């Protein structure tokens, strides 16, 4: 594997400005890294001597752990900061944090922050490559990449598929990143949710919007359910979770409206019994755990590209 990849960006801030070719480069690299998880020694020397700082200033389990494992498998030195352990709890600004981190000469900084635009701000103050691990309601690019990787693996392609994203679209950076990525790769994207959770003008992103889930699911190849983001005050937009489950939850009866071979996805964490029933989440059509597994491989691919890796898979 050589450095001649179709990827010229120093940072990964979102999917909006990536081309289909660049997205495919990351997906293909992710496939190469996937088999490392099955080795007895799950490590390659690709980023030996490089330092990756994981700066998670918003709670995260899957994404943070996934980036930590990805860095370790590439033999990079990983340093992990969380909101509780950083000086931001003492009032330090993000720029102060950034300049202090920069003084430690990291090669890559992975940041999750509650404020949209934080990763972009970071790029203006540090020399390291910056990876957006989720910024407010803006984007979550590596989630969209692992979702695209999962869809491609189970469907053999993305172009021409009908993908339904259902739930709290308004608060979802996952939905935004997936819309950008999947549309560029040739999928038809539908979004569905209560009218109060659909952003005004969402159709301008090239999607069909539905305020009922049933018509959106008809003939779908992929069904992606989103969590109701109660921490972002989404709970005030509908009567209660029981009512939401009744009208918008994915159960076996509703899933039957999609194609017989449709797959079911969820970025996690799930509210079981709210947006998705346990029988569907744990059923034969669910690829939710495969998404998690592919998350590590995709994040390895991103760190490899931005960290200037060589001899990727040997």
C-alpha atoms as a PDB file:
ATOM      1  CA  UNK A   1       0.000   0.000   0.000  1.00  0.00           C
ATOM      2  CA  UNK A   2       1.517   3.296  -1.059  1.00  0.00           C
ATOM      3  CA  UNK A   3       0.827   6.892  -0.193  1.00  0.00           C
ATOM      4  CA  UNK A   4      -0.765   7.624  -3.589  1.00  0.00           C
ATOM      5  CA  UNK A   5      -4.334   7.765  -2.316  1.00  0.00           C
ATOM      6  CA  UNK A   6      -7.190   9.874  -3.633  1.00  0.00           C
ATOM      7  CA  UNK A   7      -7.267  11.916  -0.440  1.00  0.00           C
ATOM      8  CA  UNK A   8      -5.627  15.319  -0.261  1.00  0.00           C
ATOM      9  CA  UNK A   9      -7.084  16.825   2.910  1.00  0.00           C
ATOM     10  CA  UNK A  10      -5.028  17.573   5.992  1.00  0.00           C
ATOM     11  CA  UNK A  11      -8.078  17.334   8.278  1.00  0.00           C
ATOM     12  CA  UNK A  12     -11.370  15.417   8.393  1.00  0.00           C
ATOM     13  CA  UNK A  13     -13.953  17.974   9.537  1.00  0.00           C
ATOM     14  CA  UNK A  14     -17.053  16.659   7.772  1.00  0.00           C
ATOM     15  CA  UNK A  15     -18.469  14.788   4.791  1.00  0.00           C
ATOM     16  CA  UNK A  16     -19.871  17.880   3.097  1.00  0.00           C
ATOM     17  CA  UNK A  17     -16.641  18.772   1.278  1.00  0.00           C
ATOM     18  CA  UNK A  18     -15.388  15.282   0.410  1.00  0.00           C
ATOM     19  CA  UNK A  19     -15.790  13.858  -3.087  1.00  0.00           C
ATOM     20  CA  UNK A  20     -17.230  10.408  -3.819  1.00  0.00           C
ATOM     21  CA  UNK A  21     -13.709   9.284  -4.785  1.00  0.00           C
ATOM     22  CA  UNK A  22     -12.260  10.461  -1.470  1.00  0.00           C
ATOM     23  CA  UNK A  23     -15.016   8.729   0.490  1.00  0.00           C
ATOM     24  CA  UNK A  24     -14.414   5.519  -1.467  1.00  0.00           C
ATOM     25  CA  UNK A  25     -10.673   5.734  -0.723  1.00  0.00           C
ATOM     26  CA  UNK A  26     -11.424   5.693   3.019  1.00  0.00           C
ATOM     27  CA  UNK A  27     -13.947   2.858   2.652  1.00  0.00           C
ATOM     28  CA  UNK A  28     -11.483   0.738   0.657  1.00  0.00           C
ATOM     29  CA  UNK A  29      -8.711   1.347   3.203  1.00  0.00           C
ATOM     30  CA  UNK A  30     -11.135   0.407   5.974  1.00  0.00           C
ATOM     31  CA  UNK A  31     -11.698  -2.976   4.300  1.00  0.00           C
ATOM     32  CA  UNK A  32      -7.940  -3.580   4.357  1.00  0.00           C
ATOM     33  CA  UNK A  33      -7.749  -2.775   8.063  1.00  0.00           C
ATOM     34  CA  UNK A  34     -10.808  -4.869   8.980  1.00  0.00           C
ATOM     35  CA  UNK A  35      -8.937  -8.179   8.952  1.00  0.00           C
ATOM     36  CA  UNK A  36      -6.433  -6.959  11.566  1.00  0.00           C
ATOM     37  CA  UNK A  37      -9.170  -7.456  14.184  1.00  0.00           C
ATOM     38  CA  UNK A  38      -9.069 -11.194  13.462  1.00  0.00           C
ATOM     39  CA  UNK A  39      -5.314 -11.579  13.968  1.00  0.00           C
ATOM     40  CA  UNK A  40      -3.836 -12.997  17.154  1.00  0.00           C
ATOM     41  CA  UNK A  41      -1.656  -9.862  17.397  1.00  0.00           C
ATOM     42  CA  UNK A  42      -3.948  -6.993  16.413  1.00  0.00           C
ATOM     43  CA  UNK A  43      -1.229  -4.505  15.533  1.00  0.00           C
ATOM     44  CA  UNK A  44       0.624  -3.056  12.539  1.00  0.00           C
ATOM     45  CA  UNK A  45       3.608  -0.667  12.757  1.00  0.00           C
ATOM     46  CA  UNK A  46       2.016   1.904  10.449  1.00  0.00           C
ATOM     47  CA  UNK A  47       1.946   4.943  12.785  1.00  0.00           C
ATOM     48  CA  UNK A  48       4.776   4.003  15.107  1.00  0.00           C
ATOM     49  CA  UNK A  49       6.288   7.160  16.611  1.00  0.00           C
ATOM     50  CA  UNK A  50       3.162   9.256  15.903  1.00  0.00           C
ATOM     51  CA  UNK A  51       1.055  10.772  18.688  1.00  0.00           C
ATOM     52  CA  UNK A  52      -2.743  10.847  18.584  1.00  0.00           C
ATOM     53  CA  UNK A  53      -4.568  12.971  21.168  1.00  0.00           C
ATOM     54  CA  UNK A  54      -8.209  12.087  21.805  1.00  0.00           C
ATOM     55  CA  UNK A  55      -9.846  15.263  23.121  1.00  0.00           C
ATOM     56  CA  UNK A  56     -13.381  14.282  24.115  1.00  0.00           C
ATOM     57  CA  UNK A  57     -15.076  17.289  25.709  1.00  0.00           C
ATOM     58  CA  UNK A  58     -18.533  15.742  25.359  1.00  0.00           C
ATOM     59  CA  UNK A  59     -19.569  12.305  26.695  1.00  0.00           C
ATOM     60  CA  UNK A  60     -18.827   9.358  24.419  1.00  0.00           C
ATOM     61  CA  UNK A  61     -18.298   5.645  24.806  1.00  0.00           C
ATOM     62  CA  UNK A  62     -18.276   4.006  21.360  1.00  0.00           C
ATOM     63  CA  UNK A  63     -16.522   6.735  19.388  1.00  0.00           C
ATOM     64  CA  UNK A  64     -13.865   7.461  22.018  1.00  0.00           C
ATOM     65  CA  UNK A  65     -13.069   3.781  22.622  1.00  0.00           C
ATOM     66  CA  UNK A  66     -13.076   3.128  18.885  1.00  0.00           C
ATOM     67  CA  UNK A  67     -10.521   5.890  18.194  1.00  0.00           C
ATOM     68  CA  UNK A  68      -8.362   4.696  21.115  1.00  0.00           C
ATOM     69  CA  UNK A  69      -8.310   1.132  19.774  1.00  0.00           C
ATOM     70  CA  UNK A  70      -7.686   2.374  16.217  1.00  0.00           C
ATOM     71  CA  UNK A  71      -4.616   4.362  17.328  1.00  0.00           C
ATOM     72  CA  UNK A  72      -3.263   1.412  19.345  1.00  0.00           C
ATOM     73  CA  UNK A  73      -3.685  -1.016  16.431  1.00  0.00           C
ATOM     74  CA  UNK A  74      -1.651   1.346  14.248  1.00  0.00           C
ATOM     75  CA  UNK A  75       1.090   1.453  16.933  1.00  0.00           C
ATOM     76  CA  UNK A  76       0.564   5.172  17.570  1.00  0.00           C
ATOM     77  CA  UNK A  77       0.996   6.691  21.024  1.00  0.00           C
ATOM     78  CA  UNK A  78      -2.469   7.646  22.234  1.00  0.00           C
ATOM     79  CA  UNK A  79      -3.205  10.291  24.853  1.00  0.00           C
ATOM     80  CA  UNK A  80      -6.783  10.582  26.078  1.00  0.00           C
ATOM     81  CA  UNK A  81      -8.441  13.667  27.524  1.00  0.00           C
ATOM     82  CA  UNK A  82     -12.070  13.731  28.627  1.00  0.00           C
ATOM     83  CA  UNK A  83     -14.197  16.675  29.749  1.00  0.00           C
ATOM     84  CA  UNK A  84     -13.754  15.666  33.385  1.00  0.00           C
ATOM     85  CA  UNK A  85      -9.966  15.411  33.143  1.00  0.00           C
ATOM     86  CA  UNK A  86      -9.327  18.533  31.069  1.00  0.00           C
ATOM     87  CA  UNK A  87      -8.823  22.091  32.300  1.00  0.00           C
ATOM     88  CA  UNK A  88     -11.962  23.179  30.443  1.00  0.00           C
ATOM     89  CA  UNK A  89     -13.762  22.269  33.682  1.00  0.00           C
ATOM     90  CA  UNK A  90     -11.697  25.042  35.298  1.00  0.00           C
ATOM     91  CA  UNK A  91     -12.747  27.583  32.687  1.00  0.00           C
ATOM     92  CA  UNK A  92      -9.949  27.144  30.149  1.00  0.00           C
ATOM     93  CA  UNK A  93     -11.074  28.055  26.634  1.00  0.00           C
ATOM     94  CA  UNK A  94     -10.854  25.642  23.723  1.00  0.00           C
ATOM     95  CA  UNK A  95      -8.179  27.849  22.113  1.00  0.00           C
ATOM     96  CA  UNK A  96      -6.076  27.751  25.297  1.00  0.00           C
ATOM     97  CA  UNK A  97      -6.479  23.980  25.417  1.00  0.00           C
ATOM     98  CA  UNK A  98      -5.503  23.773  21.731  1.00  0.00           C
ATOM     99  CA  UNK A  99      -2.360  25.845  22.049  1.00  0.00           C
ATOM    100  CA  UNK A 100      -1.255  23.858  25.089  1.00  0.00           C
ATOM    101  CA  UNK A 101      -1.815  20.613  23.207  1.00  0.00           C
ATOM    102  CA  UNK A 102       0.068  22.002  20.209  1.00  0.00           C
ATOM    103  CA  UNK A 103       3.067  22.637  22.456  1.00  0.00           C
ATOM    104  CA  UNK A 104       3.192  18.851  23.001  1.00  0.00           C
ATOM    105  CA  UNK A 105       3.649  18.335  19.213  1.00  0.00           C
ATOM    106  CA  UNK A 106       0.898  15.787  18.520  1.00  0.00           C
ATOM    107  CA  UNK A 107       0.447  14.511  14.953  1.00  0.00           C
ATOM    108  CA  UNK A 108      -3.346  14.109  15.108  1.00  0.00           C
ATOM    109  CA  UNK A 109      -5.984  15.565  17.439  1.00  0.00           C
ATOM    110  CA  UNK A 110      -9.387  13.844  17.504  1.00  0.00           C
ATOM    111  CA  UNK A 111     -11.996  16.178  19.015  1.00  0.00           C
ATOM    112  CA  UNK A 112     -15.583  15.787  20.163  1.00  0.00           C
ATOM    113  CA  UNK A 113     -17.213  18.975  21.357  1.00  0.00           C
ATOM    114  CA  UNK A 114     -20.753  20.170  22.068  1.00  0.00           C
ATOM    115  CA  UNK A 115     -20.212  23.332  20.011  1.00  0.00           C
ATOM    116  CA  UNK A 116     -20.576  23.157  16.230  1.00  0.00           C
ATOM    117  CA  UNK A 117     -17.459  24.432  14.469  1.00  0.00           C
ATOM    118  CA  UNK A 118     -15.031  23.497  17.265  1.00  0.00           C
ATOM    119  CA  UNK A 119     -12.856  21.218  15.072  1.00  0.00           C
ATOM    120  CA  UNK A 120     -12.563  23.968  12.450  1.00  0.00           C
ATOM    121  CA  UNK A 121     -11.551  26.436  15.174  1.00  0.00           C
ATOM    122  CA  UNK A 122      -8.906  23.981  16.341  1.00  0.00           C
ATOM    123  CA  UNK A 123      -7.328  23.814  12.857  1.00  0.00           C
ATOM    124  CA  UNK A 124      -6.597  27.536  13.049  1.00  0.00           C
ATOM    125  CA  UNK A 125      -4.568  27.188  16.263  1.00  0.00           C
ATOM    126  CA  UNK A 126      -2.647  23.913  16.014  1.00  0.00           C
ATOM    127  CA  UNK A 127      -0.286  22.350  13.487  1.00  0.00           C
ATOM    128  CA  UNK A 128      -1.610  18.801  13.928  1.00  0.00           C
ATOM    129  CA  UNK A 129      -4.197  17.138  11.701  1.00  0.00           C
ATOM    130  CA  UNK A 130      -7.702  17.428  13.210  1.00  0.00           C
ATOM    131  CA  UNK A 131     -10.429  14.778  13.101  1.00  0.00           C
ATOM    132  CA  UNK A 132     -14.005  15.751  13.955  1.00  0.00           C
ATOM    133  CA  UNK A 133     -15.465  13.064  16.236  1.00  0.00           C
ATOM    134  CA  UNK A 134     -18.764  14.976  16.486  1.00  0.00           C
ATOM    135  CA  UNK A 135     -19.360  18.709  16.875  1.00  0.00           C
ATOM    136  CA  UNK A 136     -22.714  19.823  18.239  1.00  0.00           C
ATOM    137  CA  UNK A 137     -25.490  19.375  15.683  1.00  0.00           C
ATOM    138  CA  UNK A 138     -23.088  19.857  12.770  1.00  0.00           C
ATOM    139  CA  UNK A 139     -21.349  16.658  11.602  1.00  0.00           C
ATOM    140  CA  UNK A 140     -19.980  13.269  12.692  1.00  0.00           C
ATOM    141  CA  UNK A 141     -17.993  12.167   9.625  1.00  0.00           C
ATOM    142  CA  UNK A 142     -16.478   8.902  10.865  1.00  0.00           C
ATOM    143  CA  UNK A 143     -19.948   7.632  11.837  1.00  0.00           C
ATOM    144  CA  UNK A 144     -21.167   8.271   8.275  1.00  0.00           C
ATOM    145  CA  UNK A 145     -18.076   6.499   6.919  1.00  0.00           C
ATOM    146  CA  UNK A 146     -18.594   3.411   9.074  1.00  0.00           C
ATOM    147  CA  UNK A 147     -22.286   3.422   8.135  1.00  0.00           C
ATOM    148  CA  UNK A 148     -21.399   3.576   4.424  1.00  0.00           C
ATOM    149  CA  UNK A 149     -18.860   0.787   4.966  1.00  0.00           C
ATOM    150  CA  UNK A 150     -21.532  -1.377   6.623  1.00  0.00           C
ATOM    151  CA  UNK A 151     -24.087  -0.736   3.883  1.00  0.00           C
ATOM    152  CA  UNK A 152     -21.572  -1.499   1.128  1.00  0.00           C
ATOM    153  CA  UNK A 153     -20.524  -4.738   2.842  1.00  0.00           C
ATOM    154  CA  UNK A 154     -24.081  -6.041   3.209  1.00  0.00           C
ATOM    155  CA  UNK A 155     -25.522  -4.710  -0.052  1.00  0.00           C
ATOM    156  CA  UNK A 156     -22.487  -4.886  -2.318  1.00  0.00           C
ATOM    157  CA  UNK A 157     -23.016  -1.275  -3.380  1.00  0.00           C
ATOM    158  CA  UNK A 158     -24.493   2.043  -2.288  1.00  0.00           C
ATOM    159  CA  UNK A 159     -25.461   3.587  -5.620  1.00  0.00           C
ATOM    160  CA  UNK A 160     -29.166   3.188  -6.366  1.00  0.00           C
ATOM    161  CA  UNK A 161     -30.155   2.068  -2.859  1.00  0.00           C
ATOM    162  CA  UNK A 162     -33.005   3.690  -0.933  1.00  0.00           C
ATOM    163  CA  UNK A 163     -31.878   4.581   2.594  1.00  0.00           C
ATOM    164  CA  UNK A 164     -34.345   5.769   5.239  1.00  0.00           C
ATOM    165  CA  UNK A 165     -33.038   7.766   8.208  1.00  0.00           C
ATOM    166  CA  UNK A 166     -35.732   7.948  10.861  1.00  0.00           C
ATOM    167  CA  UNK A 167     -35.999   9.799  14.151  1.00  0.00           C
ATOM    168  CA  UNK A 168     -34.609  12.990  15.629  1.00  0.00           C
ATOM    169  CA  UNK A 169     -33.245  14.452  12.376  1.00  0.00           C
ATOM    170  CA  UNK A 170     -33.109  18.007  13.683  1.00  0.00           C
ATOM    171  CA  UNK A 171     -30.555  17.314  16.432  1.00  0.00           C
ATOM    172  CA  UNK A 172     -28.622  14.649  14.565  1.00  0.00           C
ATOM    173  CA  UNK A 173     -25.091  15.289  13.290  1.00  0.00           C
ATOM    174  CA  UNK A 174     -25.131  11.606  12.246  1.00  0.00           C
ATOM    175  CA  UNK A 175     -28.075  12.275   9.924  1.00  0.00           C
ATOM    176  CA  UNK A 176     -26.350  15.284   8.342  1.00  0.00           C
ATOM    177  CA  UNK A 177     -23.087  13.451   7.705  1.00  0.00           C
ATOM    178  CA  UNK A 178     -24.922  10.409   6.348  1.00  0.00           C
ATOM    179  CA  UNK A 179     -27.025  12.527   4.002  1.00  0.00           C
ATOM    180  CA  UNK A 180     -23.890  14.150   2.556  1.00  0.00           C
ATOM    181  CA  UNK A 181     -22.014  10.846   2.223  1.00  0.00           C
ATOM    182  CA  UNK A 182     -24.817   8.637   0.912  1.00  0.00           C
ATOM    183  CA  UNK A 183     -26.059  11.182  -1.615  1.00  0.00           C
ATOM    184  CA  UNK A 184     -22.530  11.573  -3.015  1.00  0.00           C
ATOM    185  CA  UNK A 185     -22.261   7.800  -3.331  1.00  0.00           C
ATOM    186  CA  UNK A 186     -25.485   7.656  -5.339  1.00  0.00           C
ATOM    187  CA  UNK A 187     -28.099   6.567  -2.781  1.00  0.00           C
ATOM    188  CA  UNK A 188     -31.627   7.930  -2.544  1.00  0.00           C
ATOM    189  CA  UNK A 189     -32.127   9.233   0.981  1.00  0.00           C
ATOM    190  CA  UNK A 190     -35.428   9.641   2.804  1.00  0.00           C
ATOM    191  CA  UNK A 191     -35.760  11.167   6.256  1.00  0.00           C
ATOM    192  CA  UNK A 192     -38.723  10.563   8.536  1.00  0.00           C
ATOM    193  CA  UNK A 193     -39.777  11.797  11.930  1.00  0.00           C
ATOM    194  CA  UNK A 194     -42.281  13.953  13.778  1.00  0.00           C
ATOM    195  CA  UNK A 195     -42.682  17.278  12.008  1.00  0.00           C
ATOM    196  CA  UNK A 196     -41.283  18.945  15.139  1.00  0.00           C
ATOM    197  CA  UNK A 197     -38.013  16.984  14.703  1.00  0.00           C
ATOM    198  CA  UNK A 198     -37.558  17.623  10.968  1.00  0.00           C
ATOM    199  CA  UNK A 199     -35.387  20.694  10.221  1.00  0.00           C
ATOM    200  CA  UNK A 200     -36.959  23.362   8.040  1.00  0.00           C
ATOM    201  CA  UNK A 201     -35.619  23.135   4.507  1.00  0.00           C
ATOM    202  CA  UNK A 202     -34.096  19.656   4.949  1.00  0.00           C
ATOM    203  CA  UNK A 203     -35.172  18.900   1.362  1.00  0.00           C
ATOM    204  CA  UNK A 204     -32.504  21.350   0.169  1.00  0.00           C
ATOM    205  CA  UNK A 205     -29.950  18.627   1.016  1.00  0.00           C
ATOM    206  CA  UNK A 206     -31.489  16.452  -1.705  1.00  0.00           C
ATOM    207  CA  UNK A 207     -33.602  14.195   0.506  1.00  0.00           C
ATOM    208  CA  UNK A 208     -37.311  13.334   0.632  1.00  0.00           C
ATOM    209  CA  UNK A 209     -38.882  14.222   3.973  1.00  0.00           C
ATOM    210  CA  UNK A 210     -41.794  12.341   5.582  1.00  0.00           C
ATOM    211  CA  UNK A 211     -43.677  13.159   8.778  1.00  0.00           C
ATOM    212  CA  UNK A 212     -44.970   9.572   8.920  1.00  0.00           C
ATOM    213  CA  UNK A 213     -42.668   6.576   9.033  1.00  0.00           C
ATOM    214  CA  UNK A 214     -44.800   4.092   7.058  1.00  0.00           C
ATOM    215  CA  UNK A 215     -44.590   5.710   3.585  1.00  0.00           C
ATOM    216  CA  UNK A 216     -40.879   6.365   4.087  1.00  0.00           C
ATOM    217  CA  UNK A 217     -40.211   2.671   4.786  1.00  0.00           C
ATOM    218  CA  UNK A 218     -41.957   1.346   1.671  1.00  0.00           C
ATOM    219  CA  UNK A 219     -39.405  -0.329  -0.574  1.00  0.00           C
ATOM    220  CA  UNK A 220     -36.409   0.730   1.545  1.00  0.00           C
ATOM    221  CA  UNK A 221     -33.097  -1.157   1.260  1.00  0.00           C
ATOM    222  CA  UNK A 222     -31.623   0.284   4.461  1.00  0.00           C
ATOM    223  CA  UNK A 223     -33.386   1.535   7.599  1.00  0.00           C
ATOM    224  CA  UNK A 224     -31.311   3.677   9.948  1.00  0.00           C
ATOM    225  CA  UNK A 225     -32.954   4.548  13.255  1.00  0.00           C
ATOM    226  CA  UNK A 226     -31.771   7.514  15.336  1.00  0.00           C
ATOM    227  CA  UNK A 227     -31.922   8.067  19.062  1.00  0.00           C
ATOM    228  CA  UNK A 228     -34.158  10.752  20.516  1.00  0.00           C
ATOM    229  CA  UNK A 229     -31.595  13.231  21.865  1.00  0.00           C
ATOM    230  CA  UNK A 230     -33.190  14.152  25.168  1.00  0.00           C
ATOM    231  CA  UNK A 231     -29.946  15.895  26.250  1.00  0.00           C
ATOM    232  CA  UNK A 232     -30.478  18.342  23.370  1.00  0.00           C
ATOM    233  CA  UNK A 233     -34.010  19.111  24.582  1.00  0.00           C
ATOM    234  CA  UNK A 234     -35.651  16.970  21.899  1.00  0.00           C
ATOM    235  CA  UNK A 235     -38.081  15.641  24.498  1.00  0.00           C
ATOM    236  CA  UNK A 236     -40.063  18.874  24.418  1.00  0.00           C
ATOM    237  CA  UNK A 237     -40.918  18.301  20.749  1.00  0.00           C
ATOM    238  CA  UNK A 238     -43.323  15.356  21.186  1.00  0.00           C
ATOM    239  CA  UNK A 239     -45.780  14.209  23.898  1.00  0.00           C
ATOM    240  CA  UNK A 240     -43.783  11.359  25.492  1.00  0.00           C
ATOM    241  CA  UNK A 241     -41.569   8.400  24.602  1.00  0.00           C
ATOM    242  CA  UNK A 242     -44.471   5.932  24.687  1.00  0.00           C
ATOM    243  CA  UNK A 243     -46.355   7.994  22.114  1.00  0.00           C
ATOM    244  CA  UNK A 244     -43.179   8.328  20.027  1.00  0.00           C
ATOM    245  CA  UNK A 245     -42.665   4.536  20.043  1.00  0.00           C
ATOM    246  CA  UNK A 246     -46.279   4.011  18.980  1.00  0.00           C
ATOM    247  CA  UNK A 247     -46.057   6.391  16.020  1.00  0.00           C
ATOM    248  CA  UNK A 248     -42.402   6.221  14.949  1.00  0.00           C
ATOM    249  CA  UNK A 249     -40.737   3.210  16.593  1.00  0.00           C
ATOM    250  CA  UNK A 250     -39.352   0.497  14.313  1.00  0.00           C
ATOM    251  CA  UNK A 251     -41.057  -2.799  15.087  1.00  0.00           C
ATOM    252  CA  UNK A 252     -41.416  -6.001  13.043  1.00  0.00           C
ATOM    253  CA  UNK A 253     -44.730  -4.840  11.548  1.00  0.00           C
ATOM    254  CA  UNK A 254     -43.258  -1.588  10.253  1.00  0.00           C
ATOM    255  CA  UNK A 255     -40.041  -3.237   9.073  1.00  0.00           C
ATOM    256  CA  UNK A 256     -42.183  -5.493   6.868  1.00  0.00           C
ATOM    257  CA  UNK A 257     -42.928  -2.408   4.726  1.00  0.00           C
ATOM    258  CA  UNK A 258     -39.270  -2.273   3.675  1.00  0.00           C
ATOM    259  CA  UNK A 259     -37.743  -4.718   1.198  1.00  0.00           C
ATOM    260  CA  UNK A 260     -37.479  -8.322   2.474  1.00  0.00           C
ATOM    261  CA  UNK A 261     -33.663  -8.063   2.531  1.00  0.00           C
ATOM    262  CA  UNK A 262     -33.520  -4.587   4.073  1.00  0.00           C
ATOM    263  CA  UNK A 263     -30.913  -4.103   6.795  1.00  0.00           C
ATOM    264  CA  UNK A 264     -31.477  -2.246  10.072  1.00  0.00           C
ATOM    265  CA  UNK A 265     -28.890   0.171  11.480  1.00  0.00           C
ATOM    266  CA  UNK A 266     -28.485   2.380  14.551  1.00  0.00           C
ATOM    267  CA  UNK A 267     -25.524   4.599  15.499  1.00  0.00           C
ATOM    268  CA  UNK A 268     -26.070   3.932  19.204  1.00  0.00           C
ATOM    269  CA  UNK A 269     -26.684   4.290  22.020  1.00  0.00           C
ATOM    270  CA  UNK A 270     -30.144   2.792  21.535  1.00  0.00           C
ATOM    271  CA  UNK A 271     -33.281   3.633  23.463  1.00  0.00           C
ATOM    272  CA  UNK A 272     -34.731   0.131  23.267  1.00  0.00           C
ATOM    273  CA  UNK A 273     -38.483   0.135  23.093  1.00  0.00           C
ATOM    274  CA  UNK A 274     -38.554   3.778  22.003  1.00  0.00           C
ATOM    275  CA  UNK A 275     -37.130   4.230  18.490  1.00  0.00           C
ATOM    276  CA  UNK A 276     -36.460   0.503  17.981  1.00  0.00           C
ATOM    277  CA  UNK A 277     -38.014  -2.628  19.440  1.00  0.00           C
ATOM    278  CA  UNK A 278     -35.717  -5.261  20.991  1.00  0.00           C
ATOM    279  CA  UNK A 279     -36.954  -7.913  18.515  1.00  0.00           C
ATOM    280  CA  UNK A 280     -35.744  -5.763  15.600  1.00  0.00           C
ATOM    281  CA  UNK A 281     -32.535  -4.551  17.279  1.00  0.00           C
ATOM    282  CA  UNK A 282     -31.499  -8.148  18.010  1.00  0.00           C
ATOM    283  CA  UNK A 283     -33.126  -9.667  14.932  1.00  0.00           C
ATOM    284  CA  UNK A 284     -31.606 -11.231  11.803  1.00  0.00           C
ATOM    285  CA  UNK A 285     -31.862  -8.010   9.775  1.00  0.00           C
ATOM    286  CA  UNK A 286     -29.891  -5.953  12.321  1.00  0.00           C
ATOM    287  CA  UNK A 287     -26.277  -5.031  11.425  1.00  0.00           C
ATOM    288  CA  UNK A 288     -25.789  -2.788  14.469  1.00  0.00           C
ATOM    289  CA  UNK A 289     -22.865  -4.737  15.972  1.00  0.00           C
ATOM    290  CA  UNK A 290     -21.191  -4.888  12.559  1.00  0.00           C
ATOM    291  CA  UNK A 291     -21.325  -1.079  12.506  1.00  0.00           C
ATOM    292  CA  UNK A 292     -19.356  -1.026  15.768  1.00  0.00           C
ATOM    293  CA  UNK A 293     -16.750  -3.471  14.430  1.00  0.00           C
ATOM    294  CA  UNK A 294     -16.321  -1.471  11.235  1.00  0.00           C
ATOM    295  CA  UNK A 295     -15.966   1.731  13.269  1.00  0.00           C
ATOM    296  CA  UNK A 296     -12.502   0.695  14.429  1.00  0.00           C
ATOM    297  CA  UNK A 297     -11.329  -0.205  10.904  1.00  0.00           C
ATOM    298  CA  UNK A 298     -12.690   3.025   9.391  1.00  0.00           C
ATOM    299  CA  UNK A 299     -11.052   5.129  12.114  1.00  0.00           C
ATOM    300  CA  UNK A 300      -7.796   3.294  11.497  1.00  0.00           C
ATOM    301  CA  UNK A 301      -8.122   4.283   7.827  1.00  0.00           C
ATOM    302  CA  UNK A 302      -8.712   7.943   8.737  1.00  0.00           C
ATOM    303  CA  UNK A 303      -5.769   8.060  11.160  1.00  0.00           C
ATOM    304  CA  UNK A 304      -3.592   6.331   8.559  1.00  0.00           C
ATOM    305  CA  UNK A 305      -4.441   8.888   5.855  1.00  0.00           C
ATOM    306  CA  UNK A 306      -4.023  11.932   8.086  1.00  0.00           C
ATOM    307  CA  UNK A 307      -1.012  10.572   9.958  1.00  0.00           C
ATOM    308  CA  UNK A 308       1.026   9.850   6.852  1.00  0.00           C
ATOM    309  CA  UNK A 309       1.100   6.116   7.466  1.00  0.00           C
ATOM    310  CA  UNK A 310       3.121   3.690   5.399  1.00  0.00           C
ATOM    311  CA  UNK A 311       3.201  -0.102   4.960  1.00  0.00           C
ATOM    312  CA  UNK A 312      -0.400  -0.204   6.129  1.00  0.00           C
ATOM    313  CA  UNK A 313      -1.246  -3.873   6.096  1.00  0.00           C
ATOM    314  CA  UNK A 314       1.587  -6.401   6.098  1.00  0.00           C
END
